[in-house]
C-alpha atoms as a PDB file:
ATOM      1  CA  MET A   1     133.949-104.258 -25.988  1.00  0.00           C
ATOM      2  CA  LEU A   2     132.396-107.278 -24.304  1.00  0.00           C
ATOM      3  CA  ARG A   3     131.236-106.959 -20.722  1.00  0.00           C
ATOM      4  CA  TYR A   4     130.288-109.923 -18.600  1.00  0.00           C
ATOM      5  CA  ALA A   5     130.190-111.325 -15.089  1.00  0.00           C
ATOM      6  CA  ARG A   6     132.522-114.182 -14.232  1.00  0.00           C
ATOM      7  CA  LEU A   7     130.837-116.278 -11.530  1.00  0.00           C
ATOM      8  CA  ARG A   8     131.187-119.542  -9.674  1.00  0.00           C
ATOM      9  CA  PHE A   9     128.753-121.452  -7.490  1.00  0.00           C
ATOM     10  CA  SER A  10     129.839-123.752  -4.671  1.00  0.00           C
ATOM     11  CA  CYS A  11     127.434-126.645  -4.144  1.00  0.00           C
ATOM     12  CA  GLN A  12     127.210-129.836  -2.071  1.00  0.00           C
ATOM     13  CA  TRP A  13     125.549-133.157  -2.670  1.00  0.00           C
ATOM     14  CA  LEU A  14     122.815-134.092  -0.187  1.00  0.00           C
ATOM     15  CA  ASP A  15     123.517-137.825  -0.238  1.00  0.00           C
ATOM     16  CA  ASN A  16     126.533-140.093  -0.452  1.00  0.00           C
ATOM     17  CA  ALA A  17     126.241-140.757  -4.176  1.00  0.00           C
ATOM     18  CA  ARG A  18     128.169-137.600  -5.156  1.00  0.00           C
ATOM     19  CA  ARG A  19     127.078-137.973  -8.734  1.00  0.00           C
ATOM     20  CA  ILE A  20     128.951-136.052 -11.405  1.00  0.00           C
ATOM     21  CA  HIS A  21     127.133-136.048 -14.723  1.00  0.00           C
ATOM     22  CA  SER A  22     128.349-135.351 -18.227  1.00  0.00           C
ATOM     23  CA  PRO A  23     128.270-131.747 -19.535  1.00  0.00           C
ATOM     24  CA  LEU A  24     125.360-132.733 -21.771  1.00  0.00           C
ATOM     25  CA  HIS A  25     123.229-133.775 -18.796  1.00  0.00           C
ATOM     26  CA  TRP A  26     124.197-130.713 -16.774  1.00  0.00           C
ATOM     27  CA  ARG A  27     123.307-128.335 -19.585  1.00  0.00           C
ATOM     28  CA  ASP A  28     120.054-130.077 -20.487  1.00  0.00           C
ATOM     29  CA  ASP A  29     118.921-130.122 -16.857  1.00  0.00           C
ATOM     30  CA  LEU A  30     119.867-126.483 -16.338  1.00  0.00           C
ATOM     31  CA  GLU A  31     118.059-125.432 -19.517  1.00  0.00           C
ATOM     32  CA  SER A  32     114.952-127.377 -18.484  1.00  0.00           C
ATOM     33  CA  ALA A  33     114.994-125.833 -15.005  1.00  0.00           C
ATOM     34  CA  LEU A  34     115.452-122.310 -16.384  1.00  0.00           C
ATOM     35  CA  CYS A  35     112.609-122.808 -18.841  1.00  0.00           C
ATOM     36  CA  LYS A  36     110.270-123.840 -16.024  1.00  0.00           C
ATOM     37  CA  VAL A  37     111.365-120.877 -13.920  1.00  0.00           C
ATOM     38  CA  ALA A  38     111.167-118.194 -16.623  1.00  0.00           C
ATOM     39  CA  CYS A  39     108.407-119.298 -18.993  1.00  0.00           C
ATOM     40  CA  VAL A  40     104.997-117.674 -18.473  1.00  0.00           C
ATOM     41  CA  LEU A  41     103.304-119.661 -21.258  1.00  0.00           C
ATOM     42  CA  PRO A  42     104.850-123.149 -20.974  1.00  0.00           C
ATOM     43  CA  ARG A  43     102.480-124.799 -23.448  1.00  0.00           C
ATOM     44  CA  GLN A  44     103.185-122.389 -26.281  1.00  0.00           C
ATOM     45  CA  ASP A  45     105.929-122.632 -28.885  1.00  0.00           C
ATOM     46  CA  CYS A  46     108.707-120.100 -28.173  1.00  0.00           C
ATOM     47  CA  GLY A  47     108.732-118.889 -31.777  1.00  0.00           C
ATOM     48  CA  GLN A  48     105.064-117.920 -31.542  1.00  0.00           C
ATOM     49  CA  CYS A  49     105.155-116.508 -28.015  1.00  0.00           C
ATOM     50  CA  ILE A  50     104.268-112.805 -27.835  1.00  0.00           C
ATOM     51  CA  VAL A  51     106.633-112.200 -24.874  1.00  0.00           C
ATOM     52  CA  ARG A  52     109.669-114.015 -26.305  1.00  0.00           C
ATOM     53  CA  SER A  53     111.617-110.759 -26.786  1.00  0.00           C
ATOM     54  CA  ARG A  54     111.645-110.298 -23.000  1.00  0.00           C
ATOM     55  CA  CYS A  55     111.929-113.948 -21.979  1.00  0.00           C
ATOM     56  CA  THR A  56     115.060-114.892 -20.044  1.00  0.00           C
ATOM     57  CA  TYR A  57     114.961-118.493 -21.239  1.00  0.00           C
ATOM     58  CA  VAL A  58     114.634-117.580 -24.924  1.00  0.00           C
ATOM     59  CA  GLY A  59     117.321-114.907 -24.729  1.00  0.00           C
ATOM     60  CA  LEU A  60     119.805-117.290 -23.134  1.00  0.00           C
ATOM     61  CA  PHE A  61     119.114-120.642 -24.778  1.00  0.00           C
ATOM     62  CA  ARG A  62     117.337-119.673 -28.021  1.00  0.00           C
ATOM     63  CA  PRO A  63     118.849-116.272 -28.881  1.00  0.00           C
ATOM     64  CA  ALA A  64     118.162-116.625 -32.612  1.00  0.00           C
ATOM     65  CA  LEU A  65     114.490-115.909 -31.831  1.00  0.00           C
ATOM     66  CA  VAL A  66     115.171-112.507 -30.282  1.00  0.00           C
ATOM     67  CA  CYS A  67     118.550-111.142 -31.486  1.00  0.00           C
ATOM     68  CA  GLU A  68     118.074-108.385 -34.049  1.00  0.00           C
ATOM     69  CA  GLY A  69     120.016-105.461 -35.412  1.00  0.00           C
ATOM     70  CA  SER A  70     123.334-107.129 -36.252  1.00  0.00           C
ATOM     71  CA  ASN A  71     125.108-106.047 -39.435  1.00  0.00           C
ATOM     72  CA  ASP A  72     126.308-109.593 -40.031  1.00  0.00           C
ATOM     73  CA  LYS A  73     123.436-111.957 -40.766  1.00  0.00           C
ATOM     74  CA  ARG A  74     125.669-114.782 -41.971  1.00  0.00           C
ATOM     75  CA  THR A  75     126.058-116.214 -38.475  1.00  0.00           C
ATOM     76  CA  GLU A  76     123.476-117.105 -35.885  1.00  0.00           C
ATOM     77  CA  PRO A  77     123.837-115.514 -32.461  1.00  0.00           C
ATOM     78  CA  PRO A  78     125.781-117.694 -30.001  1.00  0.00           C
ATOM     79  CA  MET A  79     124.474-118.320 -26.521  1.00  0.00           C
ATOM     80  CA  PRO A  80     125.409-115.335 -24.316  1.00  0.00           C
ATOM     81  CA  PHE A  81     127.105-117.413 -21.647  1.00  0.00           C
ATOM     82  CA  SER A  82     129.853-119.931 -21.051  1.00  0.00           C
ATOM     83  CA  LEU A  83     129.521-122.693 -18.473  1.00  0.00           C
ATOM     84  CA  MET A  84     132.193-124.907 -16.955  1.00  0.00           C
ATOM     85  CA  PHE A  85     130.637-127.935 -15.326  1.00  0.00           C
ATOM     86  CA  PRO A  86     132.213-129.899 -12.456  1.00  0.00           C
ATOM     87  CA  GLU A  87     134.155-133.072 -13.165  1.00  0.00           C
ATOM     88  CA  SER A  88     134.576-134.203  -9.564  1.00  0.00           C
ATOM     89  CA  SER A  89     133.674-133.412  -5.957  1.00  0.00           C
ATOM     90  CA  ASP A  90     135.759-133.432  -2.788  1.00  0.00           C
ATOM     91  CA  HIS A  91     135.497-135.870   0.138  1.00  0.00           C
ATOM     92  CA  GLU A  92     132.623-133.819   1.586  1.00  0.00           C
ATOM     93  CA  GLY A  93     130.678-133.906  -1.661  1.00  0.00           C
ATOM     94  CA  ARG A  94     131.378-130.277  -2.577  1.00  0.00           C
ATOM     95  CA  PHE A  95     131.775-129.154  -6.166  1.00  0.00           C
ATOM     96  CA  GLN A  96     131.837-125.944  -8.188  1.00  0.00           C
ATOM     97  CA  LEU A  97     130.060-124.796 -11.323  1.00  0.00           C
ATOM     98  CA  GLU A  98     131.389-121.739 -13.177  1.00  0.00           C
ATOM     99  CA  LEU A  99     129.405-119.316 -15.321  1.00  0.00           C
ATOM    100  CA  SER A 100     130.460-116.357 -17.462  1.00  0.00           C
ATOM    101  CA  LEU A 101     127.330-114.356 -18.284  1.00  0.00           C
ATOM    102  CA  LEU A 102     127.355-111.661 -20.947  1.00  0.00           C
ATOM    103  CA  GLN A 103     125.623-108.331 -20.781  1.00  0.00           C
ATOM    104  CA  PRO A 104     122.696-107.587 -21.051  1.00  0.00           C
ATOM    105  CA  TRP A 105     121.752-110.811 -19.258  1.00  0.00           C
ATOM    106  CA  VAL A 106     123.660-110.163 -16.031  1.00  0.00           C
ATOM    107  CA  ASP A 107     120.579-108.411 -14.656  1.00  0.00           C
ATOM    108  CA  ARG A 108     118.684-111.706 -15.016  1.00  0.00           C
ATOM    109  CA  LEU A 109     121.108-113.585 -12.736  1.00  0.00           C
ATOM    110  CA  PRO A 110     118.415-114.378 -10.114  1.00  0.00           C
ATOM    111  CA  TYR A 111     116.784-116.621 -12.732  1.00  0.00           C
ATOM    112  CA  TRP A 112     120.024-118.639 -12.978  1.00  0.00           C
ATOM    113  CA  ILE A 113     120.225-118.998  -9.203  1.00  0.00           C
ATOM    114  CA  PHE A 114     116.588-120.062  -8.950  1.00  0.00           C
ATOM    115  CA  ALA A 115     117.054-122.582 -11.788  1.00  0.00           C
ATOM    116  CA  LEU A 116     120.220-124.031 -10.217  1.00  0.00           C
ATOM    117  CA  THR A 117     118.415-124.338  -6.883  1.00  0.00           C
ATOM    118  CA  ARG A 118     115.509-126.049  -8.632  1.00  0.00           C
ATOM    119  CA  MET A 119     117.935-128.527 -10.243  1.00  0.00           C
ATOM    120  CA  GLY A 120     119.256-129.424  -6.803  1.00  0.00           C
ATOM    121  CA  LYS A 121     115.799-130.470  -5.650  1.00  0.00           C
ATOM    122  CA  SER A 122     115.681-133.292  -8.182  1.00  0.00           C
ATOM    123  CA  LYS A 123     115.632-136.794  -6.731  1.00  0.00           C
ATOM    124  CA  LEU A 124     118.170-137.884  -9.349  1.00  0.00           C
ATOM    125  CA  HIS A 125     120.895-135.483  -8.224  1.00  0.00           C
ATOM    126  CA  PRO A 126     119.988-133.669  -4.982  1.00  0.00           C
ATOM    127  CA  PHE A 127     122.332-130.878  -3.975  1.00  0.00           C
ATOM    128  CA  VAL A 128     122.267-127.447  -2.335  1.00  0.00           C
ATOM    129  CA  VAL A 129     123.840-124.199  -3.489  1.00  0.00           C
ATOM    130  CA  LEU A 130     126.114-122.994  -0.698  1.00  0.00           C
ATOM    131  CA  GLU A 131     127.553-119.810  -2.135  1.00  0.00           C
ATOM    132  CA  GLY A 132     127.854-117.681  -5.238  1.00  0.00           C
ATOM    133  CA  GLU A 133     131.002-115.637  -5.970  1.00  0.00           C
ATOM    134  CA  GLN A 134     131.957-113.108  -8.630  1.00  0.00           C
ATOM    135  CA  TRP A 135     135.450-112.299  -9.895  1.00  0.00           C
ATOM    136  CA  ALA A 136     136.156-108.650  -9.120  1.00  0.00           C
ATOM    137  CA  HIS A 137     139.213-106.574  -8.264  1.00  0.00           C
ATOM    138  CA  GLY A 138     141.557-109.516  -8.817  1.00  0.00           C
ATOM    139  CA  GLY A 139     139.788-111.965  -6.504  1.00  0.00           C
ATOM    140  CA  TRP A 140     136.583-113.844  -5.730  1.00  0.00           C
ATOM    141  CA  GLU A 141     133.904-111.956  -3.766  1.00  0.00           C
ATOM    142  CA  CYS A 142     130.759-113.515  -2.313  1.00  0.00           C
ATOM    143  CA  PHE A 143     127.517-112.136  -3.744  1.00  0.00           C
ATOM    144  CA  TYR A 144     125.038-114.899  -2.791  1.00  0.00           C
ATOM    145  CA  ASP A 145     124.517-116.766   0.477  1.00  0.00           C
ATOM    146  CA  GLY A 146     122.853-120.062  -0.310  1.00  0.00           C
ATOM    147  CA  ARG A 147     122.025-120.856   3.295  1.00  0.00           C
ATOM    148  CA  LYS A 148     120.030-117.649   3.598  1.00  0.00           C
ATOM    149  CA  GLU A 149     118.977-117.718  -0.071  1.00  0.00           C
ATOM    150  CA  ALA A 150     119.887-114.037  -0.219  1.00  0.00           C
ATOM    151  CA  LEU A 151     121.874-111.793  -2.550  1.00  0.00           C
ATOM    152  CA  GLU A 152     124.622-110.134  -0.528  1.00  0.00           C
ATOM    153  CA  LYS A 153     126.073-107.867  -3.211  1.00  0.00           C
ATOM    154  CA  GLU A 154     125.209-106.521  -6.638  1.00  0.00           C
ATOM    155  CA  VAL A 155     126.787-108.367  -9.550  1.00  0.00           C
ATOM    156  CA  GLN A 156     128.188-106.111 -12.265  1.00  0.00           C
ATOM    157  CA  ALA A 157     129.216-106.788 -15.837  1.00  0.00           C
ATOM    158  CA  ARG A 158     132.864-105.864 -16.333  1.00  0.00           C
ATOM    159  CA  ALA A 159     135.473-105.697 -19.056  1.00  0.00           C
ATOM    160  CA  PRO A 160     137.890-108.662 -19.044  1.00  0.00           C
ATOM    161  CA  CYS A 161     140.478-108.669 -16.268  1.00  0.00           C
ATOM    162  CA  LEU A 162     143.803-108.770 -18.086  1.00  0.00           C
ATOM    163  CA  PRO A 163     146.346-111.256 -16.737  1.00  0.00           C
ATOM    164  CA  GLU A 164     149.575-109.906 -15.301  1.00  0.00           C
ATOM    165  CA  LEU A 165     152.063-111.956 -17.262  1.00  0.00           C
ATOM    166  CA  THR A 166     155.824-111.517 -17.180  1.00  0.00           C
ATOM    167  CA  GLY A 167     158.391-113.655 -18.937  1.00  0.00           C
ATOM    168  CA  GLY A 168     156.947-116.874 -20.295  1.00  0.00           C
ATOM    169  CA  VAL A 169     153.295-117.901 -20.029  1.00  0.00           C
ATOM    170  CA  LEU A 170     151.897-121.339 -19.319  1.00  0.00           C
ATOM    171  CA  LEU A 171     148.496-122.042 -20.881  1.00  0.00           C
ATOM    172  CA  ARG A 172     146.844-125.085 -19.295  1.00  0.00           C
ATOM    173  CA  TRP A 173     143.672-126.594 -20.734  1.00  0.00           C
ATOM    174  CA  LEU A 174     141.018-127.158 -18.065  1.00  0.00           C
ATOM    175  CA  ARG A 175     138.483-128.580 -20.512  1.00  0.00           C
ATOM    176  CA  PRO A 176     139.190-130.007 -23.978  1.00  0.00           C
ATOM    177  CA  GLY A 177     139.804-127.442 -26.709  1.00  0.00           C
ATOM    178  CA  ARG A 178     138.162-128.504 -29.974  1.00  0.00           C
ATOM    179  CA  PHE A 179     139.716-126.958 -33.095  1.00  0.00           C
ATOM    180  CA  PHE A 180     138.961-128.007 -36.646  1.00  0.00           C
ATOM    181  CA  ARG A 181     140.103-127.073 -40.118  1.00  0.00           C
ATOM    182  CA  GLU A 182     138.145-128.282 -43.133  1.00  0.00           C
ATOM    183  CA  GLY A 183     136.309-130.720 -40.885  1.00  0.00           C
ATOM    184  CA  LYS A 184     139.476-132.308 -39.488  1.00  0.00           C
ATOM    185  CA  PRO A 185     140.694-131.878 -35.886  1.00  0.00           C
ATOM    186  CA  LEU A 186     143.814-129.789 -35.334  1.00  0.00           C
ATOM    187  CA  THR A 187     145.871-132.058 -33.086  1.00  0.00           C
ATOM    188  CA  ARG A 188     149.048-129.958 -33.424  1.00  0.00           C
ATOM    189  CA  PRO A 189     147.873-126.357 -33.630  1.00  0.00           C
ATOM    190  CA  SER A 190     150.160-123.315 -33.630  1.00  0.00           C
ATOM    191  CA  PHE A 191     149.777-120.037 -31.748  1.00  0.00           C
ATOM    192  CA  PRO A 192     148.354-118.353 -34.879  1.00  0.00           C
ATOM    193  CA  ASP A 193     145.746-121.172 -34.988  1.00  0.00           C
ATOM    194  CA  LEU A 194     144.746-120.388 -31.398  1.00  0.00           C
ATOM    195  CA  VAL A 195     144.635-116.640 -32.088  1.00  0.00           C
ATOM    196  CA  GLU A 196     142.487-117.195 -35.182  1.00  0.00           C
ATOM    197  CA  ALA A 197     140.049-119.385 -33.201  1.00  0.00           C
ATOM    198  CA  LEU A 198     139.901-116.815 -30.400  1.00  0.00           C
ATOM    199  CA  GLN A 199     139.209-114.017 -32.869  1.00  0.00           C
ATOM    200  CA  ARG A 200     136.442-116.011 -34.496  1.00  0.00           C
ATOM    201  CA  ARG A 201     134.819-116.700 -31.116  1.00  0.00           C
ATOM    202  CA  ILE A 202     135.089-113.134 -29.805  1.00  0.00           C
ATOM    203  CA  ARG A 203     134.073-111.583 -33.123  1.00  0.00           C
ATOM    204  CA  ASN A 204     130.865-113.621 -33.121  1.00  0.00           C
ATOM    205  CA  LEU A 205     130.047-112.675 -29.523  1.00  0.00           C
ATOM    206  CA  GLN A 206     130.856-109.009 -30.088  1.00  0.00           C
ATOM    207  CA  THR A 207     128.755-108.892 -33.241  1.00  0.00           C
ATOM    208  CA  TRP A 208     125.660-109.744 -31.232  1.00  0.00           C
ATOM    209  CA  TYR A 209     126.371-108.617 -27.674  1.00  0.00           C
ATOM    210  CA  GLY A 210     129.225-106.102 -27.705  1.00  0.00           C
ATOM    211  CA  ASP A 211     129.911-102.562 -28.814  1.00  0.00           C
ATOM    212  CA  GLY A 212     132.896-100.651 -30.128  1.00  0.00           C
ATOM    213  CA  ASP A 213     135.531-101.808 -32.590  1.00  0.00           C
ATOM    214  CA  ILE A 214     136.059-105.471 -33.362  1.00  0.00           C
ATOM    215  CA  LEU A 215     139.603-106.773 -33.092  1.00  0.00           C
ATOM    216  CA  SER A 216     141.576-106.583 -36.341  1.00  0.00           C
ATOM    217  CA  PRO A 217     142.388-110.164 -37.402  1.00  0.00           C
ATOM    218  CA  ARG A 218     145.170-109.513 -39.873  1.00  0.00           C
ATOM    219  CA  GLU A 219     147.363-107.400 -37.600  1.00  0.00           C
ATOM    220  CA  LEU A 220     147.246-109.858 -34.697  1.00  0.00           C
ATOM    221  CA  LEU A 221     147.784-112.915 -36.877  1.00  0.00           C
ATOM    222  CA  GLU A 222     150.967-111.398 -38.253  1.00  0.00           C
ATOM    223  CA  LYS A 223     152.271-110.753 -34.743  1.00  0.00           C
ATOM    224  CA  ALA A 224     151.208-114.227 -33.577  1.00  0.00           C
ATOM    225  CA  GLY A 225     153.813-115.823 -35.804  1.00  0.00           C
ATOM    226  CA  GLU A 226     156.528-114.152 -33.712  1.00  0.00           C
ATOM    227  CA  VAL A 227     155.455-115.838 -30.452  1.00  0.00           C
ATOM    228  CA  SER A 228     157.288-119.006 -29.431  1.00  0.00           C
ATOM    229  CA  TRP A 229     154.961-121.972 -28.816  1.00  0.00           C
ATOM    230  CA  ARG A 230     156.120-125.170 -27.080  1.00  0.00           C
ATOM    231  CA  ALA A 231     153.681-127.988 -26.372  1.00  0.00           C
ATOM    232  CA  MET A 232     154.071-129.772 -23.035  1.00  0.00           C
ATOM    233  CA  GLY A 233     152.110-133.004 -22.861  1.00  0.00           C
ATOM    234  CA  LEU A 234     149.649-131.636 -25.415  1.00  0.00           C
ATOM    235  CA  ARG A 235     147.434-134.414 -26.713  1.00  0.00           C
ATOM    236  CA  TRP A 236     144.021-135.006 -28.246  1.00  0.00           C
ATOM    237  CA  VAL A 237     141.755-136.771 -25.744  1.00  0.00           C
ATOM    238  CA  GLU A 238     138.712-138.490 -27.216  1.00  0.00           C
ATOM    239  CA  ARG A 239     135.573-138.367 -25.094  1.00  0.00           C
ATOM    240  CA  HIS A 240     132.044-139.384 -26.009  1.00  0.00           C
ATOM    241  CA  ARG A 241     128.845-138.918 -24.028  1.00  0.00           C
ATOM    242  CA  ARG A 242     125.258-139.945 -24.651  1.00  0.00           C
ATOM    243  CA  SER A 243     122.841-137.090 -25.349  1.00  0.00           C
ATOM    244  CA  ARG A 244     119.322-137.703 -24.080  1.00  0.00           C
ATOM    245  CA  ARG A 245     117.966-134.878 -26.236  1.00  0.00           C
ATOM    246  CA  GLN A 246     119.581-135.985 -29.499  1.00  0.00           C
ATOM    247  CA  GLY A 247     119.310-139.692 -28.775  1.00  0.00           C
ATOM    248  CA  SER A 248     122.877-140.257 -29.959  1.00  0.00           C
ATOM    249  CA  THR A 249     126.496-140.094 -28.859  1.00  0.00           C
ATOM    250  CA  VAL A 250     128.205-136.690 -28.920  1.00  0.00           C
ATOM    251  CA  ALA A 251     131.969-136.166 -29.174  1.00  0.00           C
ATOM    252  CA  LEU A 252     133.314-133.996 -26.357  1.00  0.00           C
ATOM    253  CA  GLY A 253     137.014-134.613 -26.792  1.00  0.00           C
ATOM    254  CA  GLY A 254     139.763-132.191 -27.709  1.00  0.00           C
ATOM    255  CA  LEU A 255     143.188-130.901 -26.762  1.00  0.00           C
ATOM    256  CA  MET A 256     144.421-131.304 -23.192  1.00  0.00           C
ATOM    257  CA  GLY A 257     147.799-130.561 -21.669  1.00  0.00           C
ATOM    258  CA  GLU A 258     149.910-127.415 -21.459  1.00  0.00           C
ATOM    259  CA  ILE A 259     151.511-124.915 -23.828  1.00  0.00           C
ATOM    260  CA  PHE A 260     154.467-122.674 -23.012  1.00  0.00           C
ATOM    261  CA  LEU A 261     154.321-119.277 -24.728  1.00  0.00           C
ATOM    262  CA  GLU A 262     157.201-116.846 -24.911  1.00  0.00           C
ATOM    263  CA  GLY A 263     157.594-113.536 -26.710  1.00  0.00           C
ATOM    264  CA  ASN A 264     155.715-110.268 -26.973  1.00  0.00           C
ATOM    265  CA  LEU A 265     152.280-111.262 -25.641  1.00  0.00           C
ATOM    266  CA  GLU A 266     151.042-107.779 -24.765  1.00  0.00           C
ATOM    267  CA  PRO A 267     148.972-107.413 -27.987  1.00  0.00           C
ATOM    268  CA  PHE A 268     147.176-110.674 -27.119  1.00  0.00           C
ATOM    269  CA  LEU A 269     146.384-110.110 -23.430  1.00  0.00           C
ATOM    270  CA  GLU A 270     142.766-109.044 -23.972  1.00  0.00           C
ATOM    271  CA  LEU A 271     142.140-111.856 -26.425  1.00  0.00           C
ATOM    272  CA  LEU A 272     143.669-114.465 -24.086  1.00  0.00           C
ATOM    273  CA  ALA A 273     141.670-113.120 -21.140  1.00  0.00           C
ATOM    274  CA  LEU A 274     138.409-113.322 -23.092  1.00  0.00           C
ATOM    275  CA  GLY A 275     139.179-116.903 -24.146  1.00  0.00           C
ATOM    276  CA  ARG A 276     140.016-117.825 -20.568  1.00  0.00           C
ATOM    277  CA  ASP A 277     136.605-116.621 -19.363  1.00  0.00           C
ATOM    278  CA  LEU A 278     134.384-117.348 -22.388  1.00  0.00           C
ATOM    279  CA  GLY A 279     136.036-120.403 -23.950  1.00  0.00           C
ATOM    280  CA  VAL A 280     137.309-121.016 -27.468  1.00  0.00           C
ATOM    281  CA  GLY A 281     136.634-123.546 -30.216  1.00  0.00           C
ATOM    282  CA  LYS A 282     133.663-125.876 -30.484  1.00  0.00           C
ATOM    283  CA  GLY A 283     131.342-126.722 -27.590  1.00  0.00           C
ATOM    284  CA  THR A 284     131.799-123.611 -25.452  1.00  0.00           C
ATOM    285  CA  ALA A 285     128.160-123.802 -24.301  1.00  0.00           C
ATOM    286  CA  LEU A 286     129.054-127.182 -22.794  1.00  0.00           C
ATOM    287  CA  GLY A 287     132.096-125.773 -21.032  1.00  0.00           C
ATOM    288  CA  LEU A 288     134.691-126.949 -23.558  1.00  0.00           C
ATOM    289  CA  GLY A 289     137.643-124.826 -24.626  1.00  0.00           C
ATOM    290  CA  ARG A 290     138.390-123.403 -21.160  1.00  0.00           C
ATOM    291  CA  TYR A 291     141.947-122.793 -19.998  1.00  0.00           C
ATOM    292  CA  GLU A 292     143.930-120.967 -17.334  1.00  0.00           C
ATOM    293  CA  LEU A 293     147.011-118.760 -17.678  1.00  0.00           C
ATOM    294  CA  ALA A 294     150.034-118.551 -15.402  1.00  0.00           C
ATOM    295  CA  GLY A 295     153.033-116.262 -15.752  1.00  0.00           C
ATOM    296  CA  ILE A 296     156.481-117.826 -15.392  1.00  0.00           C
ATOM    297  CA  ALA A 297     159.431-115.573 -14.581  1.00  0.00           C
ATOM    298  CA  GLN A 298     162.323-115.784 -16.963  1.00  0.00           C
ATOM    299  CA  GLY A 299     164.876-118.243 -15.766  1.00  0.00           C
ATOM    300  CA  GLY A 300     162.256-119.769 -13.406  1.00  0.00           C
END
């Protein structure tokens, strides 16, 4: 079982520029800010640092240096979080950044808040954090008051909140979903393709950060073939952004649009909920592969 906190931060630009950067810039700036906040030996290599096993920065952005004890050594540990960066702001310059943070790193949340606040003090993109909210009991609850810079409520790691879906289900991509097979993009995937990608993502996370039984792939894949899948405006959108770190252009495109699902979806509710909150496919650390689910009553 994976437990995590699903969070969102409401922010506001301090000038009229209302800059919205690419996911690459957001992630690089957030990583840099968190490193400066958390690192006690900034001039030492992380791999040689004697406190790396307890370092918030290393555990979040360089987990391969500290994750031990997994039975599956064929895969490197993924980053224990999923971010969804803003693509626009409103007329008042407000925008939202979403974060799903896996256990055991929920207890280190103040580091995230401090790093995000530090980012906002940059002259390149000045903003303030207005509020932090967590998803709990079927709604958003405030846990951080940015004006007071105070935690109002304890944030807890929870099991995924299963969607209440009746009749058909509309899956809408919020950020491009990147799926590949043998190095080639899947521009017309099926529901079994989505289920297989979700299982691969969740299996990897659960191997390193979860406990309990891992979802059985064969049983669900057989049932996935019985679910009706109808694409609605589904298309592959190509996006490229310049990476300052890599010094090259990075592809951030993928599937956008909607998919109508109909059939017995009960066996897939947990898997779909985890994908909704943690992303699926390539580039989840950059916020890609995020979607929302909406139930549609039969005949509606």
